[in-house]
Every structure is written in C-alpha cells, then in structure tokens.
Amino acid sequence: MDDVLLKRAEEALERRCIREAIALFEQAESCGCQADSCAGGRWLCHMLNGDFERAWCESEAIARRGNPDPNRFWNGQPLTGKRVLIRCLHGLGDTIQFIRYAPLVGDIARAVFIEAQPNLKALLAASDLADHVFTWGEPEPAWDAQVEVIELPRIFRTTIETIPNRVPYLHPPRRERAGYPRIGVLWNASNYNPARSIPPALVRPLFSLENADVFSLQAGPERLDLDVPSLYEERHTLLETASIVQALDLVITVDTMMAHLAGALAVPVWTMLPYAADWRWMLGRADSPWYPRMRLFRQPAPGDWQTVIEQVRAEMRRYFAAGDRVNRSVIAAS
C-alpha cells in the first residue's frame, strides 16, 4: 500500500498538482514508506511553490536521519572563520547558478577554495570568486569545512526575498558588441531530460527574424540539425563561449547550462520550459528571482512546444520592430 501511495504522490507531482502530492507523500510516510523519499518529494513540492523555508526543514529532517547522501558534504557546523572548500560535482548549470554564494562564504570564512569542473575552472578563476580555483585531480589546499555547491542555498537559509541575485557575477574577458542586434538560440538540452529539448523544425522560424542577426549557440551533433549561422566552435573553451555570449543582445534557450550562463552574465535571456519544469523555475512565473534579466516561456500543456515558439516569435518581432535596428534599451528592460 505504501508503494502505491508513493507512486501516486510522484504522479501528482509530475502533473504539478502540488497540494495533492504533498498530502500523498505525507500519507505514504505515515504508512511506512521510506521517510527520506517522502521528504525529498515534499522538498520538490515546496521549492516549486517558492516556499524555501519549508523545503529546508525537509532537508534538515533528512540530514538528522543520517543516511548516506552523495549530495551532502556539509556537516551542519558554522563556516565562520574556517577554510571552506566548495566542491562542484553536479552539472555545469548547477555550478553556475549556485557559485554566486562563494562571495557570501568569503564574507564569513577565513578562506574560500573552489573545486570546479575542468571546463569551468578558467571562467570561475577569471571571475575572482575565491582565493583559489582548481579542478578534479589537482592538488587541493588544506581545508576545515567542505560543502557541495548545491548545499549553499540551504546553508544560508535562502528565501525568494534573500536570493543573492546581483548580476553579473561571472566576468569573462569582454568583447566589443556589434551595432546590429545579435541573438543566440539553443534548442537541445541533453539526454539527461529529453523533455527539455525542442525539435529543430519548430525552432527554425526563430532564425528568420528581420532587423536582427540570429545565430545558433547549439553544441554537439545537434548543431547540424539546422543549417543556420552558428557562433559555436568546438575549439572554444567555456571561458571563450562566455565572452561570446556576453556580447549578445539576447539569448533564447531551453533549460540547459546556457540559460544559467547568460543569466549570470546579465545578458537578457528567454528560457523555454517544459510543462513539468525543474524546481528552480517554480510554478506559474514568467520571471526568475535567480536571474533578474531572465524571462520564462512555459509549455501550457505537456509536449506543447508550438505554443512556446509562437509566443517567443511574437515577442522577438515586438522587441525588434521594423526600422528599429538597435533596440538594446528595450531588451534591457525585459
């Protein structure tokens, strides 16, 4: 019976029926279902609702039970006066989103070190976020406390009102901006969640806009799915990619690393989301408290990318109206 309740709770969560899901997760736990699984489900519900404080209570209940968790490094002790090592062991987007907390750690710690993914090391080092940045396999400095980067919002008991959202907080070498509006588009996320990717045929109309130059930012073999102008080159490092993105007037992307990179660089970014979007985008919002210059375009029903593309296309026409060849002031206000 408890497994049936847990499955029903997960299905309600997938449908984004949040109140129903919370009730079912609570019922499943009271019937003997694994407590951490039920708490984790409620954590997702609370984060989607923007109720971060209730989510942290679930995190603390999981920590108190003491079961091994590969995502948990922090021992719960204050970081004040310590040499703190921030480990970045998840996706690139996770690191870019949450590395914004490194300066807050620096305000209370004796020293801050970042163990970054290899292709993020140079960008984080250039952004002056820590005393030292190194990558996997390199010697690590002596430390007193370690945290995984995704633990930082909980450590600081973040709420929507206290998200540290001043941008930019990444600082690649600057490139000169072109006079003509330039837009970058990315339509394929990764195999991690295929529901986040848009069929290339649906994206093609975004490249036919007048009064602006539209380029592909797509990496991987998917970049060959559309014969369109591209800014992507395999030889580019992520530091070079960040410089290219920083010089754009607008980025339009699915939920992938590029959304976080553009947001962290303070580039206007329109993020196209599936119906069951990730917790970090919450529910029903057209903006993101994590990135002040981001707009969210959501599927109105599972699988409905056509409506999203039509909405984005209409907004592109509005922002780049005929005869208004340089319209950055309008974009900047979006």
Protein backbone atom coordinates (compact mmCIF):
# COMPACT_ATOMS: atom_id res chain seq x y z
CA MET A 1 0.00 0.00 0.00
CA ASP A 2 2.81 2.44 0.86
CA ASP A 3 4.46 1.92 -2.54
CA VAL A 4 1.15 2.62 -4.27
CA LEU A 5 0.77 5.85 -2.30
CA LEU A 6 4.33 6.90 -3.16
CA LYS A 7 3.73 6.26 -6.84
CA ARG A 8 0.51 8.28 -6.71
CA ALA A 9 2.37 11.11 -4.98
CA GLU A 10 5.07 11.11 -7.66
CA GLU A 11 2.43 11.12 -10.40
CA ALA A 12 0.66 14.08 -8.77
CA LEU A 13 4.00 15.89 -8.57
CA GLU A 14 4.65 15.21 -12.26
CA ARG A 15 1.23 16.71 -13.05
CA ARG A 16 2.20 19.65 -10.82
CA CYS A 17 -0.77 19.04 -8.53
CA ILE A 18 1.26 20.21 -5.57
CA ARG A 19 -1.25 20.14 -2.70
CA GLU A 20 -2.34 16.64 -3.69
CA ALA A 21 1.27 15.49 -3.96
CA ILE A 22 2.22 16.82 -0.51
CA ALA A 23 -0.76 15.09 1.09
CA LEU A 24 0.09 11.81 -0.62
CA PHE A 25 3.78 12.00 0.36
CA GLU A 26 2.72 12.58 3.98
CA GLN A 27 0.26 9.70 3.84
CA ALA A 28 2.84 7.40 2.28
CA GLU A 29 5.36 8.20 5.01
CA SER A 30 2.78 7.57 7.76
CA CYS A 31 2.09 4.17 6.16
CA GLY A 32 5.73 3.19 6.42
CA CYS A 33 7.19 4.33 3.11
CA GLN A 34 10.86 5.31 3.15
CA ALA A 35 10.96 8.63 5.01
CA ASP A 36 13.75 10.24 3.00
CA SER A 37 11.96 9.54 -0.29
CA CYS A 38 8.79 11.15 1.01
CA ALA A 39 10.68 14.12 2.42
CA GLY A 40 12.53 14.53 -0.85
CA GLY A 41 9.23 14.60 -2.71
CA ARG A 42 7.84 17.23 -0.36
CA TRP A 43 11.09 19.21 -0.77
CA LEU A 44 10.44 19.42 -4.51
CA CYS A 45 6.85 20.48 -3.89
CA HIS A 46 7.87 23.27 -1.53
CA MET A 47 10.60 24.53 -3.86
CA LEU A 48 8.17 24.59 -6.78
CA ASN A 49 5.81 26.63 -4.60
CA GLY A 50 8.63 29.03 -3.71
CA ASP A 51 8.34 28.03 -0.05
CA PHE A 52 12.07 27.57 0.50
CA GLU A 53 11.89 27.63 4.30
CA ARG A 54 9.64 24.56 4.41
CA ALA A 55 11.97 22.87 1.94
CA TRP A 56 14.96 23.47 4.23
CA CYS A 57 13.02 21.87 7.08
CA GLU A 58 12.68 18.75 4.94
CA SER A 59 16.42 18.89 4.19
CA GLU A 60 17.22 19.05 7.90
CA ALA A 61 14.93 16.11 8.66
CA ILE A 62 16.76 14.06 6.02
CA ALA A 63 20.14 15.10 7.46
CA ARG A 64 19.10 14.17 11.01
CA ARG A 65 18.29 10.63 9.88
CA GLY A 66 21.94 10.35 8.85
CA ASN A 67 21.57 8.15 5.77
CA PRO A 68 24.47 8.46 3.32
CA ASP A 69 23.83 11.12 0.69
CA PRO A 70 26.34 11.73 -2.14
CA ASN A 71 25.00 15.27 -2.49
CA ARG A 72 25.70 16.21 1.14
CA PHE A 73 29.16 17.30 2.31
CA TRP A 74 28.36 20.00 4.88
CA ASN A 75 28.38 18.73 8.47
CA GLY A 76 25.99 21.40 9.71
CA GLN A 77 28.61 23.40 11.57
CA PRO A 78 29.07 27.17 11.00
CA LEU A 79 31.56 28.19 8.31
CA THR A 80 32.69 31.31 10.16
CA GLY A 81 36.47 31.65 10.36
CA LYS A 82 37.14 28.40 8.51
CA ARG A 83 38.93 27.50 5.31
CA VAL A 84 36.00 26.39 3.19
CA LEU A 85 36.21 24.15 0.16
CA ILE A 86 33.27 24.39 -2.27
CA ARG A 87 33.09 21.24 -4.38
CA CYS A 88 31.28 21.39 -7.73
CA LEU A 89 30.27 17.83 -8.54
CA HIS A 90 26.96 18.28 -10.36
CA GLY A 91 26.10 19.76 -13.73
CA LEU A 92 27.63 22.92 -15.15
CA GLY A 93 24.31 24.75 -14.81
CA ASP A 94 24.14 23.87 -11.10
CA THR A 95 27.61 25.27 -10.54
CA ILE A 96 26.91 28.47 -12.46
CA GLN A 97 23.63 29.04 -10.60
CA PHE A 98 24.92 28.46 -7.09
CA ILE A 99 28.52 29.67 -7.27
CA ARG A 100 27.01 33.12 -6.68
CA TYR A 101 27.20 32.19 -2.99
CA ALA A 102 31.01 31.98 -2.95
CA PRO A 103 31.44 35.69 -2.08
CA LEU A 104 28.94 35.28 0.77
CA VAL A 105 31.05 32.42 2.09
CA GLY A 106 34.08 34.66 1.70
CA ASP A 107 32.45 37.30 3.91
CA ILE A 108 32.46 34.92 6.89
CA ALA A 109 35.21 32.40 6.13
CA ARG A 110 38.94 32.62 6.59
CA ALA A 111 39.49 31.46 3.00
CA VAL A 112 37.40 30.04 0.15
CA PHE A 113 38.53 27.45 -2.37
CA ILE A 114 36.55 26.12 -5.33
CA GLU A 115 36.98 22.68 -6.84
CA ALA A 116 35.39 23.27 -10.26
CA GLN A 117 34.64 21.09 -13.26
CA PRO A 118 37.58 21.17 -15.70
CA ASN A 119 35.82 23.29 -18.32
CA LEU A 120 34.57 25.79 -15.72
CA LYS A 121 37.87 26.32 -13.93
CA ALA A 122 39.14 29.18 -16.12
CA LEU A 123 35.84 31.09 -16.07
CA LEU A 124 35.48 30.87 -12.28
CA ALA A 125 39.12 31.83 -11.77
CA ALA A 126 38.69 34.87 -14.04
CA SER A 127 35.62 35.92 -12.04
CA ASP A 128 37.53 36.36 -8.76
CA LEU A 129 35.06 34.35 -6.68
CA ALA A 130 37.52 32.60 -4.36
CA ASP A 131 41.07 32.57 -3.06
CA HIS A 132 41.92 29.64 -5.28
CA VAL A 133 40.18 27.64 -8.02
CA PHE A 134 41.34 24.18 -9.01
CA THR A 135 39.82 21.20 -10.76
CA TRP A 136 39.39 17.48 -10.32
CA GLY A 137 42.64 15.59 -9.90
CA GLU A 138 44.69 18.65 -8.99
CA PRO A 139 46.18 19.08 -5.51
CA GLU A 140 43.69 20.59 -3.12
CA PRO A 141 44.58 23.11 -0.41
CA ALA A 142 44.15 22.37 3.26
CA TRP A 143 40.57 23.00 4.37
CA ASP A 144 38.50 22.91 7.56
CA ALA A 145 34.99 22.53 6.08
CA GLN A 146 33.68 21.31 2.75
CA VAL A 147 30.33 21.86 1.06
CA GLU A 148 28.87 20.84 -2.27
CA VAL A 149 27.86 23.89 -4.27
CA ILE A 150 24.16 22.94 -4.31
CA GLU A 151 24.12 22.99 -0.48
CA LEU A 152 24.84 26.71 -0.31
CA PRO A 153 21.25 27.99 -0.58
CA ARG A 154 20.29 25.82 2.39
CA ILE A 155 23.36 26.85 4.40
CA PHE A 156 22.31 30.49 4.02
CA ARG A 157 18.62 29.63 4.60
CA THR A 158 17.74 31.36 1.35
CA THR A 159 14.22 32.59 0.68
CA ILE A 160 12.95 34.16 -2.53
CA GLU A 161 13.48 37.57 -0.95
CA THR A 162 17.11 36.88 0.03
CA ILE A 163 18.42 35.21 -3.15
CA PRO A 164 21.75 36.92 -3.96
CA ASN A 165 20.74 37.96 -7.47
CA ARG A 166 23.06 40.80 -8.37
CA VAL A 167 24.39 40.20 -11.86
CA PRO A 168 26.82 39.81 -13.46
CA TYR A 169 28.80 37.64 -11.10
CA LEU A 170 30.83 35.92 -13.81
CA HIS A 171 33.40 38.05 -15.61
CA PRO A 172 34.99 36.68 -18.78
CA PRO A 173 37.17 38.89 -21.00
CA ARG A 174 34.90 41.40 -22.70
CA ARG A 175 34.30 41.53 -26.45
CA GLU A 176 33.11 44.54 -28.39
CA ARG A 177 29.39 44.46 -29.04
CA ALA A 178 28.12 44.73 -32.59
CA GLY A 179 25.93 47.66 -33.59
CA TYR A 180 23.31 45.41 -35.14
CA PRO A 181 21.21 43.37 -32.67
CA ARG A 182 22.53 39.84 -32.26
CA ILE A 183 20.56 36.92 -30.83
CA GLY A 184 21.79 33.46 -29.86
CA VAL A 185 19.46 30.43 -29.90
CA LEU A 186 19.88 26.97 -28.37
CA TRP A 187 17.20 24.28 -28.75
CA ASN A 188 18.64 20.99 -27.47
CA ALA A 189 19.43 20.36 -23.80
CA SER A 190 20.90 16.92 -23.20
CA ASN A 191 19.95 13.30 -22.78
CA TYR A 192 19.52 13.94 -19.04
CA ASN A 193 15.96 15.12 -19.70
CA PRO A 194 14.85 14.91 -23.35
CA ALA A 195 11.59 16.71 -22.46
CA ARG A 196 13.61 19.93 -22.23
CA SER A 197 14.67 19.81 -25.91
CA ILE A 198 12.69 21.26 -28.82
CA PRO A 199 12.50 19.59 -32.25
CA PRO A 200 14.70 21.67 -34.58
CA ALA A 201 11.95 22.05 -37.18
CA LEU A 202 9.89 24.01 -34.64
CA VAL A 203 12.83 26.29 -33.85
CA ARG A 204 13.64 27.20 -37.46
CA PRO A 205 11.22 30.20 -37.59
CA LEU A 206 13.25 31.93 -34.87
CA PHE A 207 16.12 32.33 -37.34
CA SER A 208 14.13 34.26 -39.93
CA LEU A 209 13.70 37.48 -37.97
CA GLU A 210 14.26 40.77 -39.77
CA ASN A 211 16.15 43.63 -38.11
CA ALA A 212 18.44 41.32 -36.13
CA ASP A 213 21.10 38.69 -36.71
CA VAL A 214 20.14 35.32 -35.23
CA PHE A 215 22.81 32.68 -34.58
CA SER A 216 22.87 29.15 -33.26
CA LEU A 217 24.63 28.53 -29.95
CA GLN A 218 23.96 24.79 -30.18
CA ALA A 219 26.82 22.45 -29.34
CA GLY A 220 27.16 18.73 -30.02
CA PRO A 221 25.93 16.83 -33.06
CA GLU A 222 22.53 18.53 -32.75
CA ARG A 223 24.10 21.73 -34.11
CA LEU A 224 23.97 20.10 -37.55
CA ASP A 225 20.19 19.66 -37.39
CA LEU A 226 19.68 23.19 -38.73
CA ASP A 227 21.63 24.88 -41.50
CA VAL A 228 21.82 28.30 -39.85
CA PRO A 229 24.62 30.73 -38.91
CA SER A 230 26.43 29.50 -35.83
CA LEU A 231 28.62 31.00 -33.13
CA TYR A 232 29.63 27.60 -31.78
CA GLU A 233 33.09 26.22 -32.45
CA GLU A 234 34.44 23.03 -30.91
CA ARG A 235 37.76 24.67 -30.13
CA HIS A 236 36.12 27.27 -27.88
CA THR A 237 36.63 26.92 -24.17
CA LEU A 238 33.76 27.80 -21.85
CA LEU A 239 35.65 30.99 -20.99
CA GLU A 240 35.63 31.96 -24.68
CA THR A 241 31.99 30.96 -25.01
CA ALA A 242 31.12 33.21 -22.06
CA SER A 243 32.84 36.14 -23.80
CA ILE A 244 30.82 35.48 -26.96
CA VAL A 245 27.55 35.25 -25.03
CA GLN A 246 28.31 38.40 -23.08
CA ALA A 247 28.47 40.36 -26.35
CA LEU A 248 24.98 39.25 -27.44
CA ASP A 249 21.82 41.30 -27.06
CA LEU A 250 19.56 38.35 -26.28
CA VAL A 251 19.83 34.60 -25.67
CA ILE A 252 16.88 32.29 -26.32
CA THR A 253 17.44 28.82 -24.92
CA VAL A 254 15.92 25.71 -23.45
CA ASP A 255 16.67 24.73 -19.85
CA THR A 256 20.35 23.97 -20.05
CA MET A 257 23.69 25.39 -18.96
CA MET A 258 23.34 28.26 -21.43
CA ALA A 259 20.33 29.66 -19.57
CA HIS A 260 22.38 29.91 -16.39
CA LEU A 261 25.45 31.27 -18.17
CA ALA A 262 23.53 34.08 -19.87
CA GLY A 263 21.70 34.86 -16.63
CA ALA A 264 24.91 35.01 -14.62
CA LEU A 265 26.46 37.31 -17.26
CA ALA A 266 23.47 39.71 -17.05
CA VAL A 267 22.59 39.06 -20.69
CA PRO A 268 18.83 39.19 -21.36
CA VAL A 269 17.76 35.55 -21.67
CA TRP A 270 14.44 33.94 -22.58
CA THR A 271 14.23 30.40 -21.23
CA MET A 272 11.77 27.96 -22.84
CA LEU A 273 10.49 25.43 -20.31
CA PRO A 274 8.64 22.11 -20.49
CA TYR A 275 5.36 21.78 -18.63
CA ALA A 276 6.94 19.87 -15.72
CA ALA A 277 9.83 22.29 -15.38
CA ASP A 278 12.64 21.93 -12.87
CA TRP A 279 12.06 23.12 -9.30
CA ARG A 280 14.36 26.12 -9.70
CA TRP A 281 11.90 27.80 -12.09
CA MET A 282 8.99 27.28 -9.66
CA LEU A 283 5.39 27.42 -10.87
CA GLY A 284 3.44 29.97 -12.86
CA ARG A 285 6.18 32.61 -13.01
CA ALA A 286 7.24 34.45 -16.14
CA ASP A 287 10.37 35.70 -14.38
CA SER A 288 13.10 34.16 -12.24
CA PRO A 289 14.22 35.59 -8.89
CA TRP A 290 17.58 33.90 -9.56
CA TYR A 291 18.27 35.94 -12.71
CA PRO A 292 16.83 39.47 -12.93
CA ARG A 293 17.18 39.66 -16.73
CA MET A 294 15.50 36.33 -17.49
CA ARG A 295 12.02 35.68 -18.85
CA LEU A 296 10.34 32.28 -18.75
CA PHE A 297 8.19 30.85 -21.54
CA ARG A 298 6.34 27.75 -20.36
CA GLN A 299 4.55 24.93 -22.14
CA PRO A 300 0.81 25.31 -21.42
CA ALA A 301 0.44 21.52 -21.67
CA PRO A 302 2.94 18.64 -21.75
CA GLY A 303 4.72 18.50 -25.10
CA ASP A 304 3.28 21.74 -26.47
CA TRP A 305 6.38 23.47 -27.83
CA GLN A 306 4.47 25.01 -30.72
CA THR A 307 2.72 27.50 -28.43
CA VAL A 308 6.02 28.38 -26.76
CA ILE A 309 7.71 29.05 -30.11
CA GLU A 310 4.79 31.18 -31.28
CA GLN A 311 4.97 33.26 -28.10
CA VAL A 312 8.73 33.70 -28.40
CA ARG A 313 8.46 34.59 -32.09
CA ALA A 314 5.83 37.22 -31.35
CA GLU A 315 7.99 38.75 -28.63
CA MET A 316 11.01 38.79 -30.95
CA ARG A 317 9.02 40.78 -33.52
CA ARG A 318 7.90 43.19 -30.82
CA TYR A 319 11.41 43.78 -29.50
CA PHE A 320 12.98 44.13 -32.90
CA ALA A 321 10.31 46.20 -34.61
CA ALA A 322 10.79 47.17 -38.26
CA GLY A 323 13.08 50.14 -38.59
CA ASP A 324 14.34 49.89 -35.01
CA ARG A 325 17.70 48.35 -35.84
CA VAL A 326 19.37 48.88 -32.48
CA ASN A 327 16.90 48.26 -29.69
CA ARG A 328 19.03 47.34 -26.70
CA SER A 329 17.28 49.74 -24.36
CA VAL A 330 14.01 47.85 -24.82
CA ILE A 331 15.69 44.47 -24.38
CA ALA A 332 17.48 45.67 -21.26
CA ALA A 333 14.13 46.46 -19.65
CA SER A 334 12.79 42.95 -20.32
